[in-house]
Amino acid sequence: MAGRYHEWAHRREVYQTTFHELTHCSDRELADISIARCDIPRIAAEAARMASGGHSR
């Protein structure tokens, strides 16, 4: 049980960090890396999934 919590906490931290960093980019910076602002939540979720080995949804 504790292992699941730590995995969830790690994924949440990765999600929040990625989301925060991308939302603070300017529109120009996002365009330079081919990211639309509306895609930020999806990209953050993918980063969180990858942080846990890509096994959880």
PDB file of N, CA and C in Angstrom:
ATOM      1  N   MET A   1       0.820  -1.194   0.000  1.00  0.00           N
ATOM      2  CA  MET A   1       0.000   0.000   0.000  1.00  0.00           C
ATOM      3  C   MET A   1       0.862   1.256   0.000  1.00  0.00           C
ATOM      4  N   ALA A   2       1.894   1.268   0.807  1.00  0.00           N
ATOM      5  CA  ALA A   2       2.767   2.447   0.855  1.00  0.00           C
ATOM      6  C   ALA A   2       3.480   2.643  -0.471  1.00  0.00           C
ATOM      7  N   GLY A   3       3.821   1.538  -1.134  1.00  0.00           N
ATOM      8  CA  GLY A   3       4.478   1.626  -2.432  1.00  0.00           C
ATOM      9  C   GLY A   3       3.599   2.304  -3.471  1.00  0.00           C
ATOM     10  N   ARG A   4       2.305   1.972  -3.460  1.00  0.00           N
ATOM     11  CA  ARG A   4       1.367   2.606  -4.387  1.00  0.00           C
ATOM     12  C   ARG A   4       1.248   4.099  -4.105  1.00  0.00           C
ATOM     13  N   TYR A   5       1.213   4.441  -2.829  1.00  0.00           N
ATOM     14  CA  TYR A   5       1.118   5.862  -2.473  1.00  0.00           C
ATOM     15  C   TYR A   5       2.341   6.618  -2.971  1.00  0.00           C
ATOM     16  N   HIS A   6       3.517   6.056  -2.777  1.00  0.00           N
ATOM     17  CA  HIS A   6       4.742   6.737  -3.206  1.00  0.00           C
ATOM     18  C   HIS A   6       4.784   6.872  -4.726  1.00  0.00           C
ATOM     19  N   GLU A   7       4.315   5.841  -5.430  1.00  0.00           N
ATOM     20  CA  GLU A   7       4.258   5.923  -6.889  1.00  0.00           C
ATOM     21  C   GLU A   7       3.278   7.009  -7.325  1.00  0.00           C
ATOM     22  N   TRP A   8       2.103   7.046  -6.681  1.00  0.00           N
ATOM     23  CA  TRP A   8       1.109   8.070  -6.995  1.00  0.00           C
ATOM     24  C   TRP A   8       1.673   9.470  -6.698  1.00  0.00           C
ATOM     25  N   ALA A   9       2.332   9.620  -5.552  1.00  0.00           N
ATOM     26  CA  ALA A   9       2.887  10.918  -5.175  1.00  0.00           C
ATOM     27  C   ALA A   9       3.957  11.360  -6.176  1.00  0.00           C
ATOM     28  N   HIS A  10       4.761  10.421  -6.636  1.00  0.00           N
ATOM     29  CA  HIS A  10       5.802  10.751  -7.621  1.00  0.00           C
ATOM     30  C   HIS A  10       5.157  11.189  -8.938  1.00  0.00           C
ATOM     31  N   ARG A  11       4.146  10.428  -9.395  1.00  0.00           N
ATOM     32  CA  ARG A  11       3.459  10.803 -10.639  1.00  0.00           C
ATOM     33  C   ARG A  11       2.811  12.172 -10.500  1.00  0.00           C
ATOM     34  N   ARG A  12       2.206  12.433  -9.356  1.00  0.00           N
ATOM     35  CA  ARG A  12       1.549  13.731  -9.129  1.00  0.00           C
ATOM     36  C   ARG A  12       2.573  14.860  -9.169  1.00  0.00           C
ATOM     37  N   GLU A  13       3.728  14.631  -8.565  1.00  0.00           N
ATOM     38  CA  GLU A  13       4.783  15.645  -8.569  1.00  0.00           C
ATOM     39  C   GLU A  13       5.273  15.925  -9.993  1.00  0.00           C
ATOM     40  N   VAL A  14       5.462  14.873 -10.770  1.00  0.00           N
ATOM     41  CA  VAL A  14       5.897  15.043 -12.162  1.00  0.00           C
ATOM     42  C   VAL A  14       4.820  15.801 -12.946  1.00  0.00           C
ATOM     43  N   TYR A  15       3.552  15.439 -12.757  1.00  0.00           N
ATOM     44  CA  TYR A  15       2.465  16.135 -13.436  1.00  0.00           C
ATOM     45  C   TYR A  15       2.482  17.618 -13.090  1.00  0.00           C
ATOM     46  N   GLN A  16       2.522  17.922 -11.802  1.00  0.00           N
ATOM     47  CA  GLN A  16       2.462  19.320 -11.367  1.00  0.00           C
ATOM     48  C   GLN A  16       3.665  20.121 -11.855  1.00  0.00           C
ATOM     49  N   THR A  17       4.850  19.532 -11.800  1.00  0.00           N
ATOM     50  CA  THR A  17       6.053  20.227 -12.251  1.00  0.00           C
ATOM     51  C   THR A  17       5.979  20.517 -13.742  1.00  0.00           C
ATOM     52  N   THR A  18       5.606  19.502 -14.519  1.00  0.00           N
ATOM     53  CA  THR A  18       5.511  19.678 -15.971  1.00  0.00           C
ATOM     54  C   THR A  18       4.449  20.712 -16.313  1.00  0.00           C
ATOM     55  N   PHE A  19       3.285  20.600 -15.690  1.00  0.00           N
ATOM     56  CA  PHE A  19       2.193  21.539 -15.937  1.00  0.00           C
ATOM     57  C   PHE A  19       2.622  22.966 -15.606  1.00  0.00           C
ATOM     58  N   HIS A  20       3.242  23.131 -14.443  1.00  0.00           N
ATOM     59  CA  HIS A  20       3.681  24.452 -13.998  1.00  0.00           C
ATOM     60  C   HIS A  20       4.704  25.049 -14.966  1.00  0.00           C
ATOM     61  N   GLU A  21       5.702  24.263 -15.344  1.00  0.00           N
ATOM     62  CA  GLU A  21       6.746  24.779 -16.232  1.00  0.00           C
ATOM     63  C   GLU A  21       6.168  25.176 -17.593  1.00  0.00           C
ATOM     64  N   LEU A  22       5.276  24.351 -18.132  1.00  0.00           N
ATOM     65  CA  LEU A  22       4.730  24.666 -19.449  1.00  0.00           C
ATOM     66  C   LEU A  22       3.752  25.834 -19.408  1.00  0.00           C
ATOM     67  N   THR A  23       2.959  25.940 -18.359  1.00  0.00           N
ATOM     68  CA  THR A  23       2.008  27.056 -18.302  1.00  0.00           C
ATOM     69  C   THR A  23       2.709  28.391 -18.113  1.00  0.00           C
ATOM     70  N   HIS A  24       3.932  28.362 -17.619  1.00  0.00           N
ATOM     71  CA  HIS A  24       4.663  29.601 -17.446  1.00  0.00           C
ATOM     72  C   HIS A  24       5.492  29.989 -18.672  1.00  0.00           C
ATOM     73  N   CYS A  25       5.452  29.169 -19.714  1.00  0.00           N
ATOM     74  CA  CYS A  25       6.107  29.530 -20.972  1.00  0.00           C
ATOM     75  C   CYS A  25       5.224  30.531 -21.721  1.00  0.00           C
ATOM     76  N   SER A  26       5.863  31.371 -22.490  1.00  0.00           N
ATOM     77  CA  SER A  26       5.105  32.296 -23.332  1.00  0.00           C
ATOM     78  C   SER A  26       4.540  31.520 -24.515  1.00  0.00           C
ATOM     79  N   ASP A  27       3.572  32.131 -25.197  1.00  0.00           N
ATOM     80  CA  ASP A  27       3.014  31.488 -26.381  1.00  0.00           C
ATOM     81  C   ASP A  27       4.100  31.256 -27.428  1.00  0.00           C
ATOM     82  N   ARG A  28       5.016  32.171 -27.536  1.00  0.00           N
ATOM     83  CA  ARG A  28       6.120  32.029 -28.496  1.00  0.00           C
ATOM     84  C   ARG A  28       7.005  30.832 -28.144  1.00  0.00           C
ATOM     85  N   GLU A  29       7.335  30.698 -26.853  1.00  0.00           N
ATOM     86  CA  GLU A  29       8.160  29.563 -26.429  1.00  0.00           C
ATOM     87  C   GLU A  29       7.451  28.232 -26.704  1.00  0.00           C
ATOM     88  N   LEU A  30       6.153  28.183 -26.429  1.00  0.00           N
ATOM     89  CA  LEU A  30       5.394  26.962 -26.697  1.00  0.00           C
ATOM     90  C   LEU A  30       5.352  26.668 -28.191  1.00  0.00           C
ATOM     91  N   ALA A  31       5.165  27.712 -29.003  1.00  0.00           N
ATOM     92  CA  ALA A  31       5.152  27.522 -30.457  1.00  0.00           C
ATOM     93  C   ALA A  31       6.503  27.001 -30.947  1.00  0.00           C
ATOM     94  N   ASP A  32       7.579  27.480 -30.343  1.00  0.00           N
ATOM     95  CA  ASP A  32       8.919  27.036 -30.738  1.00  0.00           C
ATOM     96  C   ASP A  32       9.123  25.540 -30.510  1.00  0.00           C
ATOM     97  N   ILE A  33       8.437  24.986 -29.526  1.00  0.00           N
ATOM     98  CA  ILE A  33       8.573  23.552 -29.246  1.00  0.00           C
ATOM     99  C   ILE A  33       7.319  22.785 -29.687  1.00  0.00           C
ATOM    100  N   SER A  34       6.518  23.427 -30.534  1.00  0.00           N
ATOM    101  CA  SER A  34       5.330  22.822 -31.154  1.00  0.00           C
ATOM    102  C   SER A  34       4.319  22.284 -30.144  1.00  0.00           C
ATOM    103  N   ILE A  35       4.035  23.091 -29.128  1.00  0.00           N
ATOM    104  CA  ILE A  35       3.038  22.721 -28.123  1.00  0.00           C
ATOM    105  C   ILE A  35       1.954  23.797 -28.105  1.00  0.00           C
ATOM    106  N   ALA A  36       0.713  23.360 -28.236  1.00  0.00           N
ATOM    107  CA  ALA A  36      -0.421  24.273 -28.081  1.00  0.00           C
ATOM    108  C   ALA A  36      -0.771  24.332 -26.599  1.00  0.00           C
ATOM    109  N   ARG A  37      -1.168  25.503 -26.152  1.00  0.00           N
ATOM    110  CA  ARG A  37      -1.484  25.678 -24.733  1.00  0.00           C
ATOM    111  C   ARG A  37      -2.558  24.685 -24.269  1.00  0.00           C
ATOM    112  N   CYS A  38      -3.499  24.359 -25.140  1.00  0.00           N
ATOM    113  CA  CYS A  38      -4.564  23.419 -24.765  1.00  0.00           C
ATOM    114  C   CYS A  38      -4.045  21.989 -24.596  1.00  0.00           C
ATOM    115  N   ASP A  39      -2.838  21.699 -25.061  1.00  0.00           N
ATOM    116  CA  ASP A  39      -2.255  20.359 -24.931  1.00  0.00           C
ATOM    117  C   ASP A  39      -1.459  20.165 -23.641  1.00  0.00           C
ATOM    118  N   ILE A  40      -1.282  21.216 -22.870  1.00  0.00           N
ATOM    119  CA  ILE A  40      -0.449  21.127 -21.668  1.00  0.00           C
ATOM    120  C   ILE A  40      -0.940  20.062 -20.684  1.00  0.00           C
ATOM    121  N   PRO A  41      -2.232  19.989 -20.351  1.00  0.00           N
ATOM    122  CA  PRO A  41      -2.663  18.931 -19.409  1.00  0.00           C
ATOM    123  C   PRO A  41      -2.354  17.523 -19.922  1.00  0.00           C
ATOM    124  N   ARG A  42      -2.553  17.285 -21.223  1.00  0.00           N
ATOM    125  CA  ARG A  42      -2.271  15.970 -21.796  1.00  0.00           C
ATOM    126  C   ARG A  42      -0.778  15.655 -21.739  1.00  0.00           C
ATOM    127  N   ILE A  43       0.044  16.623 -22.045  1.00  0.00           N
ATOM    128  CA  ILE A  43       1.495  16.416 -22.014  1.00  0.00           C
ATOM    129  C   ILE A  43       1.966  16.148 -20.589  1.00  0.00           C
ATOM    130  N   ALA A  44       1.414  16.880 -19.628  1.00  0.00           N
ATOM    131  CA  ALA A  44       1.776  16.656 -18.223  1.00  0.00           C
ATOM    132  C   ALA A  44       1.346  15.267 -17.768  1.00  0.00           C
ATOM    133  N   ALA A  45       0.166  14.828 -18.209  1.00  0.00           N
ATOM    134  CA  ALA A  45      -0.307  13.488 -17.852  1.00  0.00           C
ATOM    135  C   ALA A  45       0.583  12.414 -18.471  1.00  0.00           C
ATOM    136  N   GLU A  46       1.005  12.626 -19.711  1.00  0.00           N
ATOM    137  CA  GLU A  46       1.911  11.666 -20.355  1.00  0.00           C
ATOM    138  C   GLU A  46       3.247  11.609 -19.624  1.00  0.00           C
ATOM    139  N   ALA A  47       3.753  12.755 -19.203  1.00  0.00           N
ATOM    140  CA  ALA A  47       5.017  12.787 -18.459  1.00  0.00           C
ATOM    141  C   ALA A  47       4.878  12.013 -17.154  1.00  0.00           C
ATOM    142  N   ALA A  48       3.740  12.172 -16.484  1.00  0.00           N
ATOM    143  CA  ALA A  48       3.508  11.454 -15.227  1.00  0.00           C
ATOM    144  C   ALA A  48       3.435   9.951 -15.467  1.00  0.00           C
ATOM    145  N   ARG A  49       2.756   9.544 -16.535  1.00  0.00           N
ATOM    146  CA  ARG A  49       2.681   8.120 -16.869  1.00  0.00           C
ATOM    147  C   ARG A  49       4.067   7.560 -17.171  1.00  0.00           C
ATOM    148  N   MET A  50       4.857   8.297 -17.916  1.00  0.00           N
ATOM    149  CA  MET A  50       6.210   7.841 -18.264  1.00  0.00           C
ATOM    150  C   MET A  50       7.086   7.739 -17.019  1.00  0.00           C
ATOM    151  N   ALA A  51       6.869   8.593 -16.047  1.00  0.00           N
ATOM    152  CA  ALA A  51       7.658   8.582 -14.810  1.00  0.00           C
ATOM    153  C   ALA A  51       7.415   7.308 -14.013  1.00  0.00           C
ATOM    154  N   SER A  52       6.242   6.715 -14.219  1.00  0.00           N
ATOM    155  CA  SER A  52       5.936   5.481 -13.486  1.00  0.00           C
ATOM    156  C   SER A  52       6.135   4.251 -14.356  1.00  0.00           C
ATOM    157  N   GLY A  53       6.873   4.406 -15.430  1.00  0.00           N
ATOM    158  CA  GLY A  53       7.125   3.283 -16.315  1.00  0.00           C
ATOM    159  C   GLY A  53       6.057   3.092 -17.367  1.00  0.00           C
ATOM    160  N   GLY A  54       5.099   4.030 -17.447  1.00  0.00           N
ATOM    161  CA  GLY A  54       4.069   3.984 -18.460  1.00  0.00           C
ATOM    162  C   GLY A  54       3.001   2.928 -18.253  1.00  0.00           C
ATOM    163  N   HIS A  55       2.897   2.375 -17.044  1.00  0.00           N
ATOM    164  CA  HIS A  55       1.970   1.276 -16.819  1.00  0.00           C
ATOM    165  C   HIS A  55       0.615   1.699 -16.278  1.00  0.00           C
ATOM    166  N   SER A  56       0.511   2.856 -15.652  1.00  0.00           N
ATOM    167  CA  SER A  56      -0.774   3.213 -15.054  1.00  0.00           C
ATOM    168  C   SER A  56      -1.483   4.254 -15.899  1.00  0.00           C
ATOM    169  N   ARG A  57      -2.799   4.322 -15.728  1.00  0.00           N
ATOM    170  CA  ARG A  57      -3.591   5.267 -16.495  1.00  0.00           C
ATOM    171  C   ARG A  57      -4.293   6.219 -15.587  1.00  0.00           C
TER     172      ARG A  57
END
